[in-house]
Amino acid sequence: LLRQTNAWKNGHVVFADAQAWYVTAASVNSIELIIDDVVSGYR
């Protein structure tokens, strides 16, 4: 079912840096890694 979404069909499923998103997400390095992941979803 997930593979039927627009995101999957257009190659915009981002497998995020789980350690940056889940373990941290509130420091400079982790936010920069999250931003990289977020921006990659629009490429």
Full PDB file with SEQRES, HELIX, SHEET, SSBOND, CRYST1, ORIGX, SCALE, CONECT and MASTER records, all heavy atoms in Angstrom:
SEQRES   1 A   43  LEU LEU ARG GLN THR ASN ALA TRP LYS ASN GLY HIS VAL          
SEQRES   2 A   43  VAL PHE ALA ASP ALA GLN ALA TRP TYR VAL THR ALA ALA          
SEQRES   3 A   43  SER VAL ASN SER ILE GLU LEU ILE ILE ASP ASP VAL VAL          
SEQRES   4 A   43  SER GLY TYR ARG                                              
HELIX    1 AA1 LEU A    2  GLN A    4  5                                   3    
HELIX    2 AA2 ASN A    6  LYS A    9  1                                   4    
HELIX    3 AA3 ALA A   18  ALA A   18  1                                   1    
HELIX    4 AA4 GLN A   19  THR A   24  3                                   6    
HELIX    5 AA5 VAL A   28  SER A   40  1                                  13    
CRYST1    1.000    1.000    1.000  90.00  90.00  90.00 P 1           1          
ORIGX1      1.000000  0.000000  0.000000        0.00000                         
ORIGX2      0.000000  1.000000  0.000000        0.00000                         
ORIGX3      0.000000  0.000000  1.000000        0.00000                         
SCALE1      1.000000  0.000000  0.000000        0.00000                         
SCALE2      0.000000  1.000000  0.000000        0.00000                         
SCALE3      0.000000  0.000000  1.000000        0.00000                         
ATOM      1  N   LEU A   1       0.828  -1.211   0.000  1.00  0.00           N  
ATOM      2  CA  LEU A   1       0.000   0.000   0.000  1.00  0.00           C  
ATOM      3  C   LEU A   1       0.865   1.264   0.000  1.00  0.00           C  
ATOM      4  O   LEU A   1       0.533   2.259  -0.650  1.00  0.00           O  
ATOM      5  CB  LEU A   1      -0.936  -0.006   1.208  1.00  0.00           C  
ATOM      6  CG  LEU A   1      -2.016  -1.095   1.203  1.00  0.00           C  
ATOM      7  CD1 LEU A   1      -2.894  -0.985   2.443  1.00  0.00           C  
ATOM      8  CD2 LEU A   1      -2.864  -1.013  -0.059  1.00  0.00           C  
ATOM      9  N   LEU A   2       1.957   1.216   0.728  1.00  0.00           N  
ATOM     10  CA  LEU A   2       2.864   2.356   0.745  1.00  0.00           C  
ATOM     11  C   LEU A   2       3.458   2.585  -0.644  1.00  0.00           C  
ATOM     12  O   LEU A   2       3.663   3.729  -1.065  1.00  0.00           O  
ATOM     13  CB  LEU A   2       3.967   2.126   1.780  1.00  0.00           C  
ATOM     14  CG  LEU A   2       4.889   3.305   2.118  1.00  0.00           C  
ATOM     15  CD1 LEU A   2       5.369   3.203   3.558  1.00  0.00           C  
ATOM     16  CD2 LEU A   2       6.109   3.354   1.192  1.00  0.00           C  
ATOM     17  N   ARG A   3       3.678   1.495  -1.357  1.00  0.00           N  
ATOM     18  CA  ARG A   3       4.256   1.599  -2.698  1.00  0.00           C  
ATOM     19  C   ARG A   3       3.280   2.203  -3.716  1.00  0.00           C  
ATOM     20  O   ARG A   3       3.671   2.538  -4.830  1.00  0.00           O  
ATOM     21  CB  ARG A   3       4.714   0.216  -3.180  1.00  0.00           C  
ATOM     22  CG  ARG A   3       5.940  -0.312  -2.440  1.00  0.00           C  
ATOM     23  CD  ARG A   3       6.242  -1.758  -2.780  1.00  0.00           C  
ATOM     24  NE  ARG A   3       7.410  -2.252  -2.054  1.00  0.00           N  
ATOM     25  CZ  ARG A   3       8.644  -2.293  -2.550  1.00  0.00           C  
ATOM     26  NH1 ARG A   3       8.869  -1.873  -3.784  1.00  0.00           N  
ATOM     27  NH2 ARG A   3       9.647  -2.759  -1.827  1.00  0.00           N  
ATOM     28  N   GLN A   4       2.011   2.359  -3.321  1.00  0.00           N  
ATOM     29  CA  GLN A   4       1.030   2.966  -4.223  1.00  0.00           C  
ATOM     30  C   GLN A   4       0.926   4.488  -4.061  1.00  0.00           C  
ATOM     31  O   GLN A   4       0.196   5.146  -4.794  1.00  0.00           O  
ATOM     32  CB  GLN A   4      -0.342   2.328  -3.985  1.00  0.00           C  
ATOM     33  CG  GLN A   4      -0.419   0.858  -4.344  1.00  0.00           C  
ATOM     34  CD  GLN A   4      -1.764   0.243  -3.998  1.00  0.00           C  
ATOM     35  OE1 GLN A   4      -2.771   0.949  -3.827  1.00  0.00           O  
ATOM     36  NE2 GLN A   4      -1.805  -1.087  -3.888  1.00  0.00           N  
ATOM     37  N   THR A   5       1.646   5.051  -3.108  1.00  0.00           N  
ATOM     38  CA  THR A   5       1.577   6.495  -2.882  1.00  0.00           C  
ATOM     39  C   THR A   5       2.359   7.260  -3.949  1.00  0.00           C  
ATOM     40  O   THR A   5       3.253   6.716  -4.601  1.00  0.00           O  
ATOM     41  CB  THR A   5       2.165   6.854  -1.499  1.00  0.00           C  
ATOM     42  OG1 THR A   5       3.543   6.462  -1.466  1.00  0.00           O  
ATOM     43  CG2 THR A   5       1.410   6.156  -0.385  1.00  0.00           C  
ATOM     44  N   ASN A   6       2.020   8.550  -4.088  1.00  0.00           N  
ATOM     45  CA  ASN A   6       2.761   9.414  -5.006  1.00  0.00           C  
ATOM     46  C   ASN A   6       4.236   9.478  -4.627  1.00  0.00           C  
ATOM     47  O   ASN A   6       5.111   9.532  -5.494  1.00  0.00           O  
ATOM     48  CB  ASN A   6       2.170  10.827  -4.998  1.00  0.00           C  
ATOM     49  CG  ASN A   6       0.824  10.891  -5.687  1.00  0.00           C  
ATOM     50  OD1 ASN A   6       0.509  10.037  -6.537  1.00  0.00           O  
ATOM     51  ND2 ASN A   6       0.019  11.889  -5.344  1.00  0.00           N  
ATOM     52  N   ALA A   7       4.482   9.493  -3.317  1.00  0.00           N  
ATOM     53  CA  ALA A   7       5.866   9.579  -2.842  1.00  0.00           C  
ATOM     54  C   ALA A   7       6.701   8.415  -3.362  1.00  0.00           C  
ATOM     55  O   ALA A   7       7.819   8.596  -3.859  1.00  0.00           O  
ATOM     56  CB  ALA A   7       5.885   9.618  -1.315  1.00  0.00           C  
ATOM     57  N   TRP A   8       6.145   7.220  -3.284  1.00  0.00           N  
ATOM     58  CA  TRP A   8       6.904   6.045  -3.728  1.00  0.00           C  
ATOM     59  C   TRP A   8       7.054   6.050  -5.252  1.00  0.00           C  
ATOM     60  O   TRP A   8       8.147   5.819  -5.779  1.00  0.00           O  
ATOM     61  CB  TRP A   8       6.200   4.765  -3.286  1.00  0.00           C  
ATOM     62  CG  TRP A   8       7.060   3.550  -3.519  1.00  0.00           C  
ATOM     63  CD1 TRP A   8       7.237   2.883  -4.687  1.00  0.00           C  
ATOM     64  CD2 TRP A   8       7.902   2.901  -2.556  1.00  0.00           C  
ATOM     65  NE1 TRP A   8       8.115   1.845  -4.531  1.00  0.00           N  
ATOM     66  CE2 TRP A   8       8.548   1.835  -3.235  1.00  0.00           C  
ATOM     67  CE3 TRP A   8       8.164   3.090  -1.203  1.00  0.00           C  
ATOM     68  CZ2 TRP A   8       9.432   0.971  -2.579  1.00  0.00           C  
ATOM     69  CZ3 TRP A   8       9.038   2.236  -0.559  1.00  0.00           C  
ATOM     70  CH2 TRP A   8       9.668   1.197  -1.259  1.00  0.00           C  
ATOM     71  N   LYS A   9       5.974   6.342  -5.942  1.00  0.00           N  
ATOM     72  CA  LYS A   9       6.010   6.323  -7.405  1.00  0.00           C  
ATOM     73  C   LYS A   9       6.999   7.343  -7.974  1.00  0.00           C  
ATOM     74  O   LYS A   9       7.614   7.111  -9.012  1.00  0.00           O  
ATOM     75  CB  LYS A   9       4.613   6.606  -7.958  1.00  0.00           C  
ATOM     76  CG  LYS A   9       3.600   5.502  -7.670  1.00  0.00           C  
ATOM     77  CD  LYS A   9       2.211   5.908  -8.137  1.00  0.00           C  
ATOM     78  CE  LYS A   9       1.179   4.840  -7.812  1.00  0.00           C  
ATOM     79  NZ  LYS A   9      -0.207   5.261  -8.204  1.00  0.00           N  
ATOM     80  N   ASN A  10       7.140   8.472  -7.283  1.00  0.00           N  
ATOM     81  CA  ASN A  10       8.018   9.540  -7.782  1.00  0.00           C  
ATOM     82  C   ASN A  10       9.406   9.527  -7.148  1.00  0.00           C  
ATOM     83  O   ASN A  10      10.205  10.433  -7.367  1.00  0.00           O  
ATOM     84  CB  ASN A  10       7.365  10.902  -7.538  1.00  0.00           C  
ATOM     85  CG  ASN A  10       6.077  11.057  -8.326  1.00  0.00           C  
ATOM     86  OD1 ASN A  10       5.991  10.619  -9.473  1.00  0.00           O  
ATOM     87  ND2 ASN A  10       5.071  11.675  -7.719  1.00  0.00           N  
ATOM     88  N   GLY A  11       9.678   8.475  -6.364  1.00  0.00           N  
ATOM     89  CA  GLY A  11      11.008   8.348  -5.762  1.00  0.00           C  
ATOM     90  C   GLY A  11      11.289   9.351  -4.652  1.00  0.00           C  
ATOM     91  O   GLY A  11      12.428   9.757  -4.446  1.00  0.00           O  
ATOM     92  N   HIS A  12      10.227   9.743  -3.916  1.00  0.00           N  
ATOM     93  CA  HIS A  12      10.383  10.716  -2.848  1.00  0.00           C  
ATOM     94  C   HIS A  12      10.121  10.107  -1.470  1.00  0.00           C  
ATOM     95  O   HIS A  12       9.538  10.750  -0.592  1.00  0.00           O  
ATOM     96  CB  HIS A  12       9.461  11.912  -3.086  1.00  0.00           C  
ATOM     97  CG  HIS A  12       9.911  12.786  -4.211  1.00  0.00           C  
ATOM     98  ND1 HIS A  12       9.154  13.815  -4.717  1.00  0.00           N  
ATOM     99  CD2 HIS A  12      11.054  12.778  -4.946  1.00  0.00           C  
ATOM    100  CE1 HIS A  12       9.803  14.404  -5.710  1.00  0.00           C  
ATOM    101  NE2 HIS A  12      10.957  13.776  -5.863  1.00  0.00           N  
ATOM    102  N   VAL A  13      10.517   8.856  -1.295  1.00  0.00           N  
ATOM    103  CA  VAL A  13      10.520   8.230   0.026  1.00  0.00           C  
ATOM    104  C   VAL A  13      11.940   8.327   0.560  1.00  0.00           C  
ATOM    105  O   VAL A  13      12.880   7.786  -0.030  1.00  0.00           O  
ATOM    106  CB  VAL A  13      10.062   6.760  -0.032  1.00  0.00           C  
ATOM    107  CG1 VAL A  13      10.177   6.114   1.341  1.00  0.00           C  
ATOM    108  CG2 VAL A  13       8.633   6.674  -0.545  1.00  0.00           C  
ATOM    109  N   VAL A  14      12.089   9.050   1.667  1.00  0.00           N  
ATOM    110  CA  VAL A  14      13.412   9.293   2.249  1.00  0.00           C  
ATOM    111  C   VAL A  14      13.582   8.422   3.485  1.00  0.00           C  
ATOM    112  O   VAL A  14      12.809   8.543   4.446  1.00  0.00           O  
ATOM    113  CB  VAL A  14      13.590  10.780   2.632  1.00  0.00           C  
ATOM    114  CG1 VAL A  14      14.959  11.003   3.270  1.00  0.00           C  
ATOM    115  CG2 VAL A  14      13.404  11.666   1.402  1.00  0.00           C  
ATOM    116  N   PHE A  15      14.554   7.543   3.438  1.00  0.00           N  
ATOM    117  CA  PHE A  15      14.877   6.737   4.616  1.00  0.00           C  
ATOM    118  C   PHE A  15      15.852   7.563   5.452  1.00  0.00           C  
ATOM    119  O   PHE A  15      17.044   7.636   5.179  1.00  0.00           O  
ATOM    120  CB  PHE A  15      15.447   5.382   4.193  1.00  0.00           C  
ATOM    121  CG  PHE A  15      14.430   4.533   3.471  1.00  0.00           C  
ATOM    122  CD1 PHE A  15      14.317   4.584   2.083  1.00  0.00           C  
ATOM    123  CD2 PHE A  15      13.560   3.727   4.185  1.00  0.00           C  
ATOM    124  CE1 PHE A  15      13.360   3.819   1.416  1.00  0.00           C  
ATOM    125  CE2 PHE A  15      12.606   2.962   3.540  1.00  0.00           C  
ATOM    126  CZ  PHE A  15      12.494   3.016   2.151  1.00  0.00           C  
ATOM    127  N   ALA A  16      15.296   8.205   6.456  1.00  0.00           N  
ATOM    128  CA  ALA A  16      16.020   9.229   7.210  1.00  0.00           C  
ATOM    129  C   ALA A  16      17.137   8.643   8.064  1.00  0.00           C  
ATOM    130  O   ALA A  16      17.163   7.443   8.355  1.00  0.00           O  
ATOM    131  CB  ALA A  16      15.036   9.988   8.096  1.00  0.00           C  
ATOM    132  N   ASP A  17      18.054   9.522   8.450  1.00  0.00           N  
ATOM    133  CA  ASP A  17      19.123   9.150   9.373  1.00  0.00           C  
ATOM    134  C   ASP A  17      18.485   8.951  10.747  1.00  0.00           C  
ATOM    135  O   ASP A  17      18.274   9.908  11.503  1.00  0.00           O  
ATOM    136  CB  ASP A  17      20.176  10.266   9.412  1.00  0.00           C  
ATOM    137  CG  ASP A  17      21.400   9.908  10.244  1.00  0.00           C  
ATOM    138  OD1 ASP A  17      21.255   9.170  11.237  1.00  0.00           O  
ATOM    139  OD2 ASP A  17      22.502  10.374   9.908  1.00  0.00           O  
ATOM    140  N   ALA A  18      18.168   7.708  11.061  1.00  0.00           N  
ATOM    141  CA  ALA A  18      17.387   7.422  12.272  1.00  0.00           C  
ATOM    142  C   ALA A  18      18.099   7.845  13.549  1.00  0.00           C  
ATOM    143  O   ALA A  18      17.459   8.234  14.530  1.00  0.00           O  
ATOM    144  CB  ALA A  18      17.047   5.937  12.325  1.00  0.00           C  
ATOM    145  N   GLN A  19      19.422   7.786  13.561  1.00  0.00           N  
ATOM    146  CA  GLN A  19      20.156   8.179  14.769  1.00  0.00           C  
ATOM    147  C   GLN A  19      20.065   9.686  14.999  1.00  0.00           C  
ATOM    148  O   GLN A  19      19.957  10.149  16.140  1.00  0.00           O  
ATOM    149  CB  GLN A  19      21.602   7.726  14.663  1.00  0.00           C  
ATOM    150  CG  GLN A  19      21.742   6.212  14.658  1.00  0.00           C  
ATOM    151  CD  GLN A  19      23.180   5.767  14.510  1.00  0.00           C  
ATOM    152  OE1 GLN A  19      24.103   6.564  14.387  1.00  0.00           O  
ATOM    153  NE2 GLN A  19      23.383   4.460  14.501  1.00  0.00           N  
ATOM    154  N   ALA A  20      20.108  10.455  13.918  1.00  0.00           N  
ATOM    155  CA  ALA A  20      19.960  11.906  14.053  1.00  0.00           C  
ATOM    156  C   ALA A  20      18.530  12.275  14.439  1.00  0.00           C  
ATOM    157  O   ALA A  20      18.304  13.158  15.267  1.00  0.00           O  
ATOM    158  CB  ALA A  20      20.361  12.600  12.756  1.00  0.00           C  
ATOM    159  N   TRP A  21      17.540  11.597  13.829  1.00  0.00           N  
ATOM    160  CA  TRP A  21      16.132  11.929  14.068  1.00  0.00           C  
ATOM    161  C   TRP A  21      15.631  11.398  15.415  1.00  0.00           C  
ATOM    162  O   TRP A  21      14.869  12.090  16.093  1.00  0.00           O  
ATOM    163  CB  TRP A  21      15.257  11.338  12.963  1.00  0.00           C  
ATOM    164  CG  TRP A  21      15.331  12.024  11.636  1.00  0.00           C  
ATOM    165  CD1 TRP A  21      16.436  12.165  10.840  1.00  0.00           C  
ATOM    166  CD2 TRP A  21      14.254  12.648  10.924  1.00  0.00           C  
ATOM    167  NE1 TRP A  21      16.112  12.823   9.676  1.00  0.00           N  
ATOM    168  CE2 TRP A  21      14.774  13.130   9.692  1.00  0.00           C  
ATOM    169  CE3 TRP A  21      12.896  12.821  11.186  1.00  0.00           C  
ATOM    170  CZ2 TRP A  21      13.985  13.797   8.749  1.00  0.00           C  
ATOM    171  CZ3 TRP A  21      12.109  13.475  10.239  1.00  0.00           C  
ATOM    172  CH2 TRP A  21      12.650  13.961   9.037  1.00  0.00           C  
ATOM    173  N   TYR A  22      16.045  10.181  15.788  1.00  0.00           N  
ATOM    174  CA  TYR A  22      15.437   9.543  16.962  1.00  0.00           C  
ATOM    175  C   TYR A  22      16.280   9.658  18.227  1.00  0.00           C  
ATOM    176  O   TYR A  22      15.741   9.869  19.314  1.00  0.00           O  
ATOM    177  CB  TYR A  22      15.145   8.074  16.669  1.00  0.00           C  
ATOM    178  CG  TYR A  22      14.262   7.423  17.717  1.00  0.00           C  
ATOM    179  CD1 TYR A  22      12.897   7.705  17.746  1.00  0.00           C  
ATOM    180  CD2 TYR A  22      14.784   6.564  18.667  1.00  0.00           C  
ATOM    181  CE1 TYR A  22      12.075   7.138  18.717  1.00  0.00           C  
ATOM    182  CE2 TYR A  22      13.974   5.984  19.636  1.00  0.00           C  
ATOM    183  CZ  TYR A  22      12.616   6.275  19.661  1.00  0.00           C  
ATOM    184  OH  TYR A  22      11.805   5.718  20.622  1.00  0.00           O  
ATOM    185  N   VAL A  23      17.597   9.537  18.111  1.00  0.00           N  
ATOM    186  CA  VAL A  23      18.451   9.588  19.305  1.00  0.00           C  
ATOM    187  C   VAL A  23      18.702  11.027  19.730  1.00  0.00           C  
ATOM    188  O   VAL A  23      18.817  11.317  20.924  1.00  0.00           O  
ATOM    189  CB  VAL A  23      19.792   8.861  19.042  1.00  0.00           C  
ATOM    190  CG1 VAL A  23      20.698   8.946  20.263  1.00  0.00           C  
ATOM    191  CG2 VAL A  23      19.537   7.403  18.681  1.00  0.00           C  
ATOM    192  N   THR A  24      18.800  11.935  18.777  1.00  0.00           N  
ATOM    193  CA  THR A  24      19.149  13.314  19.105  1.00  0.00           C  
ATOM    194  C   THR A  24      18.033  14.283  18.665  1.00  0.00           C  
ATOM    195  O   THR A  24      17.107  14.518  19.401  1.00  0.00           O  
ATOM    196  CB  THR A  24      20.500  13.690  18.468  1.00  0.00           C  
ATOM    197  OG1 THR A  24      20.518  13.259  17.096  1.00  0.00           O  
ATOM    198  CG2 THR A  24      21.647  13.035  19.205  1.00  0.00           C  
ATOM    199  N   ALA A  25      18.174  14.900  17.497  1.00  0.00           N  
ATOM    200  CA  ALA A  25      17.187  15.839  16.925  1.00  0.00           C  
ATOM    201  C   ALA A  25      17.109  17.165  17.667  1.00  0.00           C  
ATOM    202  O   ALA A  25      16.165  17.935  17.464  1.00  0.00           O  
ATOM    203  CB  ALA A  25      15.791  15.202  16.858  1.00  0.00           C  
ATOM    204  N   ALA A  26      18.102  17.457  18.525  1.00  0.00           N  
ATOM    205  CA  ALA A  26      18.086  18.742  19.231  1.00  0.00           C  
ATOM    206  C   ALA A  26      19.497  19.266  19.448  1.00  0.00           C  
ATOM    207  O   ALA A  26      19.792  19.900  20.466  1.00  0.00           O  
ATOM    208  CB  ALA A  26      17.364  18.602  20.566  1.00  0.00           C  
ATOM    209  N   SER A  27      20.375  19.010  18.493  1.00  0.00           N  
ATOM    210  CA  SER A  27      21.741  19.532  18.551  1.00  0.00           C  
ATOM    211  C   SER A  27      22.125  19.989  17.147  1.00  0.00           C  
ATOM    212  O   SER A  27      21.418  19.700  16.175  1.00  0.00           O  
ATOM    213  CB  SER A  27      22.719  18.463  19.049  1.00  0.00           C  
ATOM    214  OG  SER A  27      22.805  17.397  18.105  1.00  0.00           O  
ATOM    215  N   VAL A  28      23.228  20.694  17.044  1.00  0.00           N  
ATOM    216  CA  VAL A  28      23.610  21.285  15.758  1.00  0.00           C  
ATOM    217  C   VAL A  28      23.822  20.219  14.690  1.00  0.00           C  
ATOM    218  O   VAL A  28      23.246  20.292  13.589  1.00  0.00           O  
ATOM    219  CB  VAL A  28      24.873  22.156  15.914  1.00  0.00           C  
ATOM    220  CG1 VAL A  28      25.350  22.646  14.550  1.00  0.00           C  
ATOM    221  CG2 VAL A  28      24.577  23.343  16.827  1.00  0.00           C  
ATOM    222  N   ASN A  29      24.642  19.210  14.977  1.00  0.00           N  
ATOM    223  CA  ASN A  29      24.909  18.171  13.978  1.00  0.00           C  
ATOM    224  C   ASN A  29      23.638  17.434  13.571  1.00  0.00           C  
ATOM    225  O   ASN A  29      23.410  17.183  12.387  1.00  0.00           O  
ATOM    226  CB  ASN A  29      25.944  17.166  14.505  1.00  0.00           C  
ATOM    227  CG  ASN A  29      27.362  17.597  14.213  1.00  0.00           C  
ATOM    228  OD1 ASN A  29      27.636  18.207  13.182  1.00  0.00           O  
ATOM    229  ND2 ASN A  29      28.268  17.296  15.121  1.00  0.00           N  
ATOM    230  N   SER A  30      22.826  17.073  14.539  1.00  0.00           N  
ATOM    231  CA  SER A  30      21.620  16.301  14.218  1.00  0.00           C  
ATOM    232  C   SER A  30      20.630  17.134  13.412  1.00  0.00           C  
ATOM    233  O   SER A  30      20.008  16.619  12.466  1.00  0.00           O  
ATOM    234  CB  SER A  30      20.960  15.772  15.493  1.00  0.00           C  
ATOM    235  OG  SER A  30      20.557  16.826  16.345  1.00  0.00           O  
ATOM    236  N   ILE A  31      20.476  18.409  13.742  1.00  0.00           N  
ATOM    237  CA  ILE A  31      19.558  19.256  12.975  1.00  0.00           C  
ATOM    238  C   ILE A  31      20.049  19.418  11.544  1.00  0.00           C  
ATOM    239  O   ILE A  31      19.255  19.392  10.583  1.00  0.00           O  
ATOM    240  CB  ILE A  31      19.396  20.635  13.644  1.00  0.00           C  
ATOM    241  CG1 ILE A  31      18.659  20.495  14.979  1.00  0.00           C  
ATOM    242  CG2 ILE A  31      18.638  21.596  12.720  1.00  0.00           C  
ATOM    243  CD1 ILE A  31      17.241  19.979  14.875  1.00  0.00           C  
ATOM    244  N   GLU A  32      21.344  19.560  11.364  1.00  0.00           N  
ATOM    245  CA  GLU A  32      21.873  19.690  10.007  1.00  0.00           C  
ATOM    246  C   GLU A  32      21.646  18.411   9.201  1.00  0.00           C  
ATOM    247  O   GLU A  32      21.321  18.464   8.001  1.00  0.00           O  
ATOM    248  CB  GLU A  32      23.357  20.042  10.057  1.00  0.00           C  
ATOM    249  CG  GLU A  32      23.602  21.476  10.553  1.00  0.00           C  
ATOM    250  CD  GLU A  32      25.061  21.862  10.543  1.00  0.00           C  
ATOM    251  OE1 GLU A  32      25.921  20.952  10.410  1.00  0.00           O  
ATOM    252  OE2 GLU A  32      25.358  23.067  10.677  1.00  0.00           O  
ATOM    253  N   LEU A  33      21.776  17.252   9.842  1.00  0.00           N  
ATOM    254  CA  LEU A  33      21.507  15.982   9.156  1.00  0.00           C  
ATOM    255  C   LEU A  33      20.019  15.854   8.823  1.00  0.00           C  
ATOM    256  O   LEU A  33      19.647  15.355   7.754  1.00  0.00           O  
ATOM    257  CB  LEU A  33      21.972  14.813  10.024  1.00  0.00           C  
ATOM    258  CG  LEU A  33      23.488  14.651  10.156  1.00  0.00           C  
ATOM    259  CD1 LEU A  33      23.832  13.646  11.258  1.00  0.00           C  
ATOM    260  CD2 LEU A  33      24.102  14.213   8.830  1.00  0.00           C  
ATOM    261  N   ILE A  34      19.174  16.305   9.732  1.00  0.00           N  
ATOM    262  CA  ILE A  34      17.728  16.275   9.480  1.00  0.00           C  
ATOM    263  C   ILE A  34      17.369  17.196   8.318  1.00  0.00           C  
ATOM    264  O   ILE A  34      16.567  16.840   7.443  1.00  0.00           O  
ATOM    265  CB  ILE A  34      16.956  16.661  10.757  1.00  0.00           C  
ATOM    266  CG1 ILE A  34      17.063  15.537  11.800  1.00  0.00           C  
ATOM    267  CG2 ILE A  34      15.482  16.946  10.445  1.00  0.00           C  
ATOM    268  CD1 ILE A  34      16.521  15.890  13.162  1.00  0.00           C  
ATOM    269  N   ILE A  35      17.969  18.374   8.296  1.00  0.00           N  
ATOM    270  CA  ILE A  35      17.721  19.302   7.190  1.00  0.00           C  
ATOM    271  C   ILE A  35      18.140  18.672   5.861  1.00  0.00           C  
ATOM    272  O   ILE A  35      17.424  18.785   4.850  1.00  0.00           O  
ATOM    273  CB  ILE A  35      18.468  20.632   7.422  1.00  0.00           C  
ATOM    274  CG1 ILE A  35      17.807  21.408   8.572  1.00  0.00           C  
ATOM    275  CG2 ILE A  35      18.468  21.481   6.142  1.00  0.00           C  
ATOM    276  CD1 ILE A  35      18.558  22.668   8.967  1.00  0.00           C  
ATOM    277  N   ASP A  36      19.278  17.997   5.855  1.00  0.00           N  
ATOM    278  CA  ASP A  36      19.721  17.309   4.635  1.00  0.00           C  
ATOM    279  C   ASP A  36      18.674  16.302   4.170  1.00  0.00           C  
ATOM    280  O   ASP A  36      18.365  16.213   2.968  1.00  0.00           O  
ATOM    281  CB  ASP A  36      21.052  16.593   4.873  1.00  0.00           C  
ATOM    282  CG  ASP A  36      22.228  17.554   5.004  1.00  0.00           C  
ATOM    283  OD1 ASP A  36      22.096  18.714   4.592  1.00  0.00           O  
ATOM    284  OD2 ASP A  36      23.275  17.127   5.540  1.00  0.00           O  
ATOM    285  N   ASP A  37      18.120  15.525   5.121  1.00  0.00           N  
ATOM    286  CA  ASP A  37      17.101  14.547   4.774  1.00  0.00           C  
ATOM    287  C   ASP A  37      15.834  15.222   4.257  1.00  0.00           C  
ATOM    288  O   ASP A  37      15.240  14.787   3.247  1.00  0.00           O  
ATOM    289  CB  ASP A  37      16.749  13.681   5.996  1.00  0.00           C  
ATOM    290  CG  ASP A  37      17.807  12.632   6.303  1.00  0.00           C  
ATOM    291  OD1 ASP A  37      18.579  12.296   5.392  1.00  0.00           O  
ATOM    292  OD2 ASP A  37      17.845  12.151   7.448  1.00  0.00           O  
ATOM    293  N   VAL A  38      15.408  16.269   4.943  1.00  0.00           N  
ATOM    294  CA  VAL A  38      14.173  16.962   4.556  1.00  0.00           C  
ATOM    295  C   VAL A  38      14.307  17.523   3.146  1.00  0.00           C  
ATOM    296  O   VAL A  38      13.428  17.331   2.298  1.00  0.00           O  
ATOM    297  CB  VAL A  38      13.848  18.087   5.554  1.00  0.00           C  
ATOM    298  CG1 VAL A  38      12.714  18.977   5.017  1.00  0.00           C  
ATOM    299  CG2 VAL A  38      13.432  17.503   6.903  1.00  0.00           C  
ATOM    300  N   VAL A  39      15.405  18.193   2.883  1.00  0.00           N  
ATOM    301  CA  VAL A  39      15.626  18.802   1.560  1.00  0.00           C  
ATOM    302  C   VAL A  39      15.697  17.747   0.467  1.00  0.00           C  
ATOM    303  O   VAL A  39      15.194  17.965  -0.640  1.00  0.00           O  
ATOM    304  CB  VAL A  39      16.904  19.665   1.577  1.00  0.00           C  
ATOM    305  CG1 VAL A  39      17.311  20.080   0.166  1.00  0.00           C  
ATOM    306  CG2 VAL A  39      16.704  20.909   2.452  1.00  0.00           C  
ATOM    307  N   SER A  40      16.258  16.586   0.776  1.00  0.00           N  
ATOM    308  CA  SER A  40      16.381  15.542  -0.236  1.00  0.00           C  
ATOM    309  C   SER A  40      15.017  15.047  -0.723  1.00  0.00           C  
ATOM    310  O   SER A  40      14.894  14.523  -1.823  1.00  0.00           O  
ATOM    311  CB  SER A  40      17.206  14.368   0.311  1.00  0.00           C  
ATOM    312  OG  SER A  40      16.494  13.661   1.302  1.00  0.00           O  
ATOM    313  N   GLY A  41      13.993  15.236   0.098  1.00  0.00           N  
ATOM    314  CA  GLY A  41      12.649  14.836  -0.290  1.00  0.00           C  
ATOM    315  C   GLY A  41      12.057  15.682  -1.404  1.00  0.00           C  
ATOM    316  O   GLY A  41      11.037  15.313  -1.990  1.00  0.00           O  
ATOM    317  N   TYR A  42      12.669  16.804  -1.678  1.00  0.00           N  
ATOM    318  CA  TYR A  42      12.166  17.718  -2.719  1.00  0.00           C  
ATOM    319  C   TYR A  42      13.012  17.698  -3.976  1.00  0.00           C  
ATOM    320  O   TYR A  42      12.743  18.438  -4.915  1.00  0.00           O  
ATOM    321  CB  TYR A  42      12.106  19.150  -2.157  1.00  0.00           C  
ATOM    322  CG  TYR A  42      11.071  19.287  -1.061  1.00  0.00           C  
ATOM    323  CD1 TYR A  42      11.389  18.959   0.255  1.00  0.00           C  
ATOM    324  CD2 TYR A  42       9.791  19.730  -1.345  1.00  0.00           C  
ATOM    325  CE1 TYR A  42      10.443  19.071   1.271  1.00  0.00           C  
ATOM    326  CE2 TYR A  42       8.824  19.847  -0.345  1.00  0.00           C  
ATOM    327  CZ  TYR A  42       9.177  19.505   0.960  1.00  0.00           C  
ATOM    328  OH  TYR A  42       8.226  19.607   1.947  1.00  0.00           O  
ATOM    329  N   ARG A  43      14.021  16.854  -3.980  1.00  0.00           N  
ATOM    330  CA  ARG A  43      14.862  16.773  -5.178  1.00  0.00           C  
ATOM    331  C   ARG A  43      14.252  15.817  -6.201  1.00  0.00           C  
ATOM    332  O   ARG A  43      13.774  14.745  -5.842  1.00  0.00           O  
ATOM    333  CB  ARG A  43      16.272  16.294  -4.810  1.00  0.00           C  
ATOM    334  CG  ARG A  43      17.040  17.271  -3.912  1.00  0.00           C  
ATOM    335  CD  ARG A  43      18.508  16.943  -3.887  1.00  0.00           C  
ATOM    336  NE  ARG A  43      19.211  17.858  -2.989  1.00  0.00           N  
ATOM    337  CZ  ARG A  43      19.675  17.532  -1.786  1.00  0.00           C  
ATOM    338  NH1 ARG A  43      19.525  16.287  -1.349  1.00  0.00           N  
ATOM    339  NH2 ARG A  43      20.314  18.410  -1.047  1.00  0.00           N  
TER     340      ARG A  43                                                      
MASTER        0    0    0    5    0    0    0    6  339    1    0    4          
END                                                                             
